[in-house]
PDB file of all heavy atoms in Angstrom:
ATOM      1  N   GLY A   1      84.439  71.274  50.313  1.00  0.00           N
ATOM      2  CA  GLY A   1      83.511  71.724  49.273  1.00  0.00           C
ATOM      3  C   GLY A   1      83.682  73.199  48.963  1.00  0.00           C
ATOM      4  O   GLY A   1      83.725  73.611  47.798  1.00  0.00           O
ATOM      5  N   VAL A   2      83.792  73.999  50.004  1.00  0.00           N
ATOM      6  CA  VAL A   2      83.970  75.446  49.815  1.00  0.00           C
ATOM      7  C   VAL A   2      85.311  75.731  49.153  1.00  0.00           C
ATOM      8  O   VAL A   2      85.410  76.573  48.250  1.00  0.00           O
ATOM      9  CB  VAL A   2      83.844  76.178  51.166  1.00  0.00           C
ATOM     10  CG1 VAL A   2      84.168  77.647  51.028  1.00  0.00           C
ATOM     11  CG2 VAL A   2      82.455  75.982  51.748  1.00  0.00           C
ATOM     12  N   THR A   3      86.341  75.026  49.576  1.00  0.00           N
ATOM     13  CA  THR A   3      87.674  75.215  48.996  1.00  0.00           C
ATOM     14  C   THR A   3      87.693  74.831  47.524  1.00  0.00           C
ATOM     15  O   THR A   3      88.267  75.549  46.695  1.00  0.00           O
ATOM     16  CB  THR A   3      88.710  74.383  49.773  1.00  0.00           C
ATOM     17  OG1 THR A   3      88.639  74.746  51.152  1.00  0.00           O
ATOM     18  CG2 THR A   3      90.102  74.611  49.254  1.00  0.00           C
ATOM     19  N   LEU A   4      87.089  73.708  47.190  1.00  0.00           N
ATOM     20  CA  LEU A   4      87.042  73.271  45.799  1.00  0.00           C
ATOM     21  C   LEU A   4      86.272  74.266  44.935  1.00  0.00           C
ATOM     22  O   LEU A   4      86.696  74.604  43.828  1.00  0.00           O
ATOM     23  CB  LEU A   4      86.405  71.884  45.715  1.00  0.00           C
ATOM     24  CG  LEU A   4      86.494  71.151  44.399  1.00  0.00           C
ATOM     25  CD1 LEU A   4      87.939  70.967  43.974  1.00  0.00           C
ATOM     26  CD2 LEU A   4      85.836  69.792  44.529  1.00  0.00           C
ATOM     27  N   PHE A   5      85.154  74.744  45.444  1.00  0.00           N
ATOM     28  CA  PHE A   5      84.379  75.756  44.727  1.00  0.00           C
ATOM     29  C   PHE A   5      85.201  77.020  44.504  1.00  0.00           C
ATOM     30  O   PHE A   5      85.261  77.557  43.397  1.00  0.00           O
ATOM     31  CB  PHE A   5      83.100  76.089  45.509  1.00  0.00           C
ATOM     32  CG  PHE A   5      82.323  77.227  44.913  1.00  0.00           C
ATOM     33  CD1 PHE A   5      81.528  77.026  43.806  1.00  0.00           C
ATOM     34  CD2 PHE A   5      82.395  78.497  45.456  1.00  0.00           C
ATOM     35  CE1 PHE A   5      80.815  78.081  43.243  1.00  0.00           C
ATOM     36  CE2 PHE A   5      81.696  79.549  44.915  1.00  0.00           C
ATOM     37  CZ  PHE A   5      80.901  79.339  43.800  1.00  0.00           C
ATOM     38  N   ALA A   6      85.858  77.497  45.552  1.00  0.00           N
ATOM     39  CA  ALA A   6      86.650  78.721  45.445  1.00  0.00           C
ATOM     40  C   ALA A   6      87.812  78.551  44.464  1.00  0.00           C
ATOM     41  O   ALA A   6      88.092  79.437  43.655  1.00  0.00           O
ATOM     42  CB  ALA A   6      87.173  79.133  46.815  1.00  0.00           C
ATOM     43  N   TYR A   7      88.483  77.401  44.507  1.00  0.00           N
ATOM     44  CA  TYR A   7      89.588  77.162  43.577  1.00  0.00           C
ATOM     45  C   TYR A   7      89.089  77.152  42.143  1.00  0.00           C
ATOM     46  O   TYR A   7      89.683  77.778  41.262  1.00  0.00           O
ATOM     47  CB  TYR A   7      90.287  75.837  43.899  1.00  0.00           C
ATOM     48  CG  TYR A   7      91.425  75.542  42.955  1.00  0.00           C
ATOM     49  CD1 TYR A   7      92.666  76.128  43.153  1.00  0.00           C
ATOM     50  CD2 TYR A   7      91.255  74.704  41.859  1.00  0.00           C
ATOM     51  CE1 TYR A   7      93.712  75.886  42.289  1.00  0.00           C
ATOM     52  CE2 TYR A   7      92.290  74.456  40.984  1.00  0.00           C
ATOM     53  CZ  TYR A   7      93.525  75.051  41.209  1.00  0.00           C
ATOM     54  OH  TYR A   7      94.549  74.810  40.337  1.00  0.00           O
ATOM     55  N   ALA A   8      87.988  76.439  41.915  1.00  0.00           N
ATOM     56  CA  ALA A   8      87.470  76.330  40.547  1.00  0.00           C
ATOM     57  C   ALA A   8      87.041  77.680  40.001  1.00  0.00           C
ATOM     58  O   ALA A   8      87.353  78.030  38.867  1.00  0.00           O
ATOM     59  CB  ALA A   8      86.304  75.341  40.502  1.00  0.00           C
ATOM     60  N   VAL A   9      86.339  78.460  40.796  1.00  0.00           N
ATOM     61  CA  VAL A   9      85.794  79.724  40.311  1.00  0.00           C
ATOM     62  C   VAL A   9      86.845  80.822  40.269  1.00  0.00           C
ATOM     63  O   VAL A   9      87.023  81.491  39.255  1.00  0.00           O
ATOM     64  CB  VAL A   9      84.584  80.161  41.167  1.00  0.00           C
ATOM     65  CG1 VAL A   9      84.129  81.551  40.800  1.00  0.00           C
ATOM     66  CG2 VAL A   9      83.445  79.170  40.982  1.00  0.00           C
ATOM     67  N   VAL A  10      87.570  81.016  41.362  1.00  0.00           N
ATOM     68  CA  VAL A  10      88.500  82.140  41.447  1.00  0.00           C
ATOM     69  C   VAL A  10      89.797  81.861  40.711  1.00  0.00           C
ATOM     70  O   VAL A  10      90.212  82.637  39.841  1.00  0.00           O
ATOM     71  CB  VAL A  10      88.780  82.505  42.929  1.00  0.00           C
ATOM     72  CG1 VAL A  10      89.826  83.595  43.025  1.00  0.00           C
ATOM     73  CG2 VAL A  10      87.504  82.926  43.613  1.00  0.00           C
ATOM     74  N   VAL A  11      90.451  80.754  41.021  1.00  0.00           N
ATOM     75  CA  VAL A  11      91.778  80.504  40.463  1.00  0.00           C
ATOM     76  C   VAL A  11      91.706  80.081  39.002  1.00  0.00           C
ATOM     77  O   VAL A  11      92.409  80.626  38.155  1.00  0.00           O
ATOM     78  CB  VAL A  11      92.527  79.451  41.314  1.00  0.00           C
ATOM     79  CG1 VAL A  11      93.861  79.114  40.709  1.00  0.00           C
ATOM     80  CG2 VAL A  11      92.704  79.953  42.741  1.00  0.00           C
ATOM     81  N   VAL A  12      90.845  79.113  38.690  1.00  0.00           N
ATOM     82  CA  VAL A  12      90.779  78.625  37.311  1.00  0.00           C
ATOM     83  C   VAL A  12      89.857  79.490  36.466  1.00  0.00           C
ATOM     84  O   VAL A  12      90.217  79.905  35.362  1.00  0.00           O
ATOM     85  CB  VAL A  12      90.335  77.143  37.284  1.00  0.00           C
ATOM     86  CG1 VAL A  12      90.175  76.652  35.858  1.00  0.00           C
ATOM     87  CG2 VAL A  12      91.320  76.277  38.027  1.00  0.00           C
ATOM     88  N   GLY A  13      88.672  79.775  36.962  1.00  0.00           N
ATOM     89  CA  GLY A  13      87.686  80.518  36.175  1.00  0.00           C
ATOM     90  C   GLY A  13      88.053  81.966  35.935  1.00  0.00           C
ATOM     91  O   GLY A  13      87.973  82.460  34.814  1.00  0.00           O
ATOM     92  N   ARG A  14      88.454  82.669  36.981  1.00  0.00           N
ATOM     93  CA  ARG A  14      88.723  84.104  36.847  1.00  0.00           C
ATOM     94  C   ARG A  14      90.168  84.395  36.442  1.00  0.00           C
ATOM     95  O   ARG A  14      90.418  85.216  35.590  1.00  0.00           O
ATOM     96  CB  ARG A  14      88.419  84.827  38.159  1.00  0.00           C
ATOM     97  CG  ARG A  14      86.968  84.772  38.559  1.00  0.00           C
ATOM     98  CD  ARG A  14      86.084  85.627  37.709  1.00  0.00           C
ATOM     99  NE  ARG A  14      86.427  87.032  37.922  1.00  0.00           N
ATOM    100  CZ  ARG A  14      86.179  87.983  37.060  1.00  0.00           C
ATOM    101  NH1 ARG A  14      85.564  87.712  35.948  1.00  0.00           N
ATOM    102  NH2 ARG A  14      86.516  89.213  37.316  1.00  0.00           N
ATOM    103  N   ARG A  15      91.114  83.734  37.082  1.00  0.00           N
ATOM    104  CA  ARG A  15      92.523  84.025  36.797  1.00  0.00           C
ATOM    105  C   ARG A  15      93.069  83.234  35.624  1.00  0.00           C
ATOM    106  O   ARG A  15      94.121  83.574  35.098  1.00  0.00           O
ATOM    107  CB  ARG A  15      93.370  83.758  38.033  1.00  0.00           C
ATOM    108  CG  ARG A  15      93.085  84.738  39.142  1.00  0.00           C
ATOM    109  CD  ARG A  15      94.125  84.648  40.185  1.00  0.00           C
ATOM    110  NE  ARG A  15      93.845  85.619  41.240  1.00  0.00           N
ATOM    111  CZ  ARG A  15      94.374  85.572  42.426  1.00  0.00           C
ATOM    112  NH1 ARG A  15      95.214  84.585  42.723  1.00  0.00           N
ATOM    113  NH2 ARG A  15      94.080  86.477  43.322  1.00  0.00           N
ATOM    114  N   GLY A  16      92.433  82.171  35.259  1.00  0.00           N
ATOM    115  CA  GLY A  16      92.834  81.405  34.088  1.00  0.00           C
ATOM    116  C   GLY A  16      94.039  80.504  34.304  1.00  0.00           C
ATOM    117  O   GLY A  16      94.766  80.195  33.365  1.00  0.00           O
ATOM    118  N   VAL A  17      94.271  80.048  35.536  1.00  0.00           N
ATOM    119  CA  VAL A  17      95.376  79.146  35.810  1.00  0.00           C
ATOM    120  C   VAL A  17      95.107  77.820  35.111  1.00  0.00           C
ATOM    121  O   VAL A  17      94.018  77.265  35.195  1.00  0.00           O
ATOM    122  CB  VAL A  17      95.547  78.940  37.333  1.00  0.00           C
ATOM    123  CG1 VAL A  17      96.574  77.870  37.629  1.00  0.00           C
ATOM    124  CG2 VAL A  17      95.916  80.249  37.990  1.00  0.00           C
ATOM    125  N   SER A  18      96.099  77.311  34.409  1.00  0.00           N
ATOM    126  CA  SER A  18      95.939  76.061  33.665  1.00  0.00           C
ATOM    127  C   SER A  18      95.945  74.865  34.615  1.00  0.00           C
ATOM    128  O   SER A  18      96.719  74.812  35.567  1.00  0.00           O
ATOM    129  CB  SER A  18      97.073  75.904  32.649  1.00  0.00           C
ATOM    130  OG  SER A  18      96.966  74.661  31.998  1.00  0.00           O
ATOM    131  N   THR A  19      95.088  73.897  34.353  1.00  0.00           N
ATOM    132  CA  THR A  19      95.046  72.672  35.146  1.00  0.00           C
ATOM    133  C   THR A  19      95.666  71.503  34.397  1.00  0.00           C
ATOM    134  O   THR A  19      95.727  70.407  34.931  1.00  0.00           O
ATOM    135  CB  THR A  19      93.594  72.319  35.509  1.00  0.00           C
ATOM    136  OG1 THR A  19      92.825  72.208  34.312  1.00  0.00           O
ATOM    137  CG2 THR A  19      92.997  73.373  36.403  1.00  0.00           C
ATOM    138  N   ARG A  20      96.127  71.734  33.197  1.00  0.00           N
ATOM    139  CA  ARG A  20      96.764  70.662  32.428  1.00  0.00           C
ATOM    140  C   ARG A  20      98.084  70.297  33.091  1.00  0.00           C
ATOM    141  O   ARG A  20      98.841  71.150  33.497  1.00  0.00           O
ATOM    142  CB  ARG A  20      97.010  71.090  31.000  1.00  0.00           C
ATOM    143  CG  ARG A  20      95.742  71.377  30.242  1.00  0.00           C
ATOM    144  CD  ARG A  20      96.029  71.767  28.795  1.00  0.00           C
ATOM    145  NE  ARG A  20      94.891  72.366  28.165  1.00  0.00           N
ATOM    146  CZ  ARG A  20      93.899  71.683  27.612  1.00  0.00           C
ATOM    147  NH1 ARG A  20      93.926  70.388  27.629  1.00  0.00           N
ATOM    148  NH2 ARG A  20      92.882  72.310  27.050  1.00  0.00           N
ATOM    149  N   GLY A  21      98.345  69.013  33.200  1.00  0.00           N
ATOM    150  CA  GLY A  21      99.595  68.556  33.784  1.00  0.00           C
ATOM    151  C   GLY A  21      99.554  68.426  35.301  1.00  0.00           C
ATOM    152  O   GLY A  21     100.511  67.959  35.895  1.00  0.00           O
ATOM    153  N   GLN A  22      98.491  68.840  35.942  1.00  0.00           N
ATOM    154  CA  GLN A  22      98.365  68.645  37.383  1.00  0.00           C
ATOM    155  C   GLN A  22      97.682  67.306  37.607  1.00  0.00           C
ATOM    156  O   GLN A  22      96.532  67.112  37.242  1.00  0.00           O
ATOM    157  CB  GLN A  22      97.563  69.781  38.015  1.00  0.00           C
ATOM    158  CG  GLN A  22      98.239  71.123  37.931  1.00  0.00           C
ATOM    159  CD  GLN A  22      97.392  72.215  38.556  1.00  0.00           C
ATOM    160  OE1 GLN A  22      96.316  71.968  39.096  1.00  0.00           O
ATOM    161  NE2 GLN A  22      97.888  73.438  38.477  1.00  0.00           N
ATOM    162  N   ARG A  23      98.389  66.383  38.202  1.00  0.00           N
ATOM    163  CA  ARG A  23      97.901  65.003  38.312  1.00  0.00           C
ATOM    164  C   ARG A  23      96.645  64.864  39.165  1.00  0.00           C
ATOM    165  O   ARG A  23      95.876  63.925  38.986  1.00  0.00           O
ATOM    166  CB  ARG A  23      99.003  64.114  38.885  1.00  0.00           C
ATOM    167  CG  ARG A  23     100.162  63.982  37.917  1.00  0.00           C
ATOM    168  CD  ARG A  23     101.135  62.973  38.384  1.00  0.00           C
ATOM    169  NE  ARG A  23     100.477  61.665  38.374  1.00  0.00           N
ATOM    170  CZ  ARG A  23     101.014  60.591  38.876  1.00  0.00           C
ATOM    171  NH1 ARG A  23     102.189  60.639  39.431  1.00  0.00           N
ATOM    172  NH2 ARG A  23     100.369  59.443  38.846  1.00  0.00           N
ATOM    173  N   ILE A  24      96.417  65.776  40.085  1.00  0.00           N
ATOM    174  CA  ILE A  24      95.276  65.647  40.986  1.00  0.00           C
ATOM    175  C   ILE A  24      93.936  65.686  40.242  1.00  0.00           C
ATOM    176  O   ILE A  24      92.951  65.110  40.682  1.00  0.00           O
ATOM    177  CB  ILE A  24      95.307  66.722  42.091  1.00  0.00           C
ATOM    178  CG1 ILE A  24      94.272  66.391  43.162  1.00  0.00           C
ATOM    179  CG2 ILE A  24      95.083  68.109  41.520  1.00  0.00           C
ATOM    180  CD1 ILE A  24      94.409  67.187  44.414  1.00  0.00           C
ATOM    181  N   TRP A  25      93.899  66.336  39.096  1.00  0.00           N
ATOM    182  CA  TRP A  25      92.644  66.462  38.353  1.00  0.00           C
ATOM    183  C   TRP A  25      92.430  65.301  37.395  1.00  0.00           C
ATOM    184  O   TRP A  25      91.338  65.137  36.861  1.00  0.00           O
ATOM    185  CB  TRP A  25      92.592  67.775  37.578  1.00  0.00           C
ATOM    186  CG  TRP A  25      92.888  68.948  38.441  1.00  0.00           C
ATOM    187  CD1 TRP A  25      93.924  69.818  38.286  1.00  0.00           C
ATOM    188  CD2 TRP A  25      92.170  69.380  39.589  1.00  0.00           C
ATOM    189  NE1 TRP A  25      93.888  70.754  39.277  1.00  0.00           N
ATOM    190  CE2 TRP A  25      92.820  70.518  40.094  1.00  0.00           C
ATOM    191  CE3 TRP A  25      91.038  68.919  40.249  1.00  0.00           C
ATOM    192  CZ2 TRP A  25      92.380  71.188  41.226  1.00  0.00           C
ATOM    193  CZ3 TRP A  25      90.607  69.588  41.382  1.00  0.00           C
ATOM    194  CH2 TRP A  25      91.271  70.711  41.854  1.00  0.00           C
ATOM    195  N   GLY A  26      93.445  64.486  37.153  1.00  0.00           N
ATOM    196  CA  GLY A  26      93.314  63.366  36.232  1.00  0.00           C
ATOM    197  C   GLY A  26      92.979  63.852  34.832  1.00  0.00           C
ATOM    198  O   GLY A  26      93.459  64.890  34.382  1.00  0.00           O
ATOM    199  N   GLY A  27      92.128  63.124  34.138  1.00  0.00           N
ATOM    200  CA  GLY A  27      91.724  63.497  32.786  1.00  0.00           C
ATOM    201  C   GLY A  27      90.862  64.752  32.744  1.00  0.00           C
ATOM    202  O   GLY A  27      90.728  65.386  31.699  1.00  0.00           O
TER     203      GLY A  27
END
């Protein structure tokens, strides 16, 4: 839970890493 929160907020939210094309997230 902590890891998922940190990834979502820091990596995607702040740094703007794209999640398109990463199969783990699905649609």
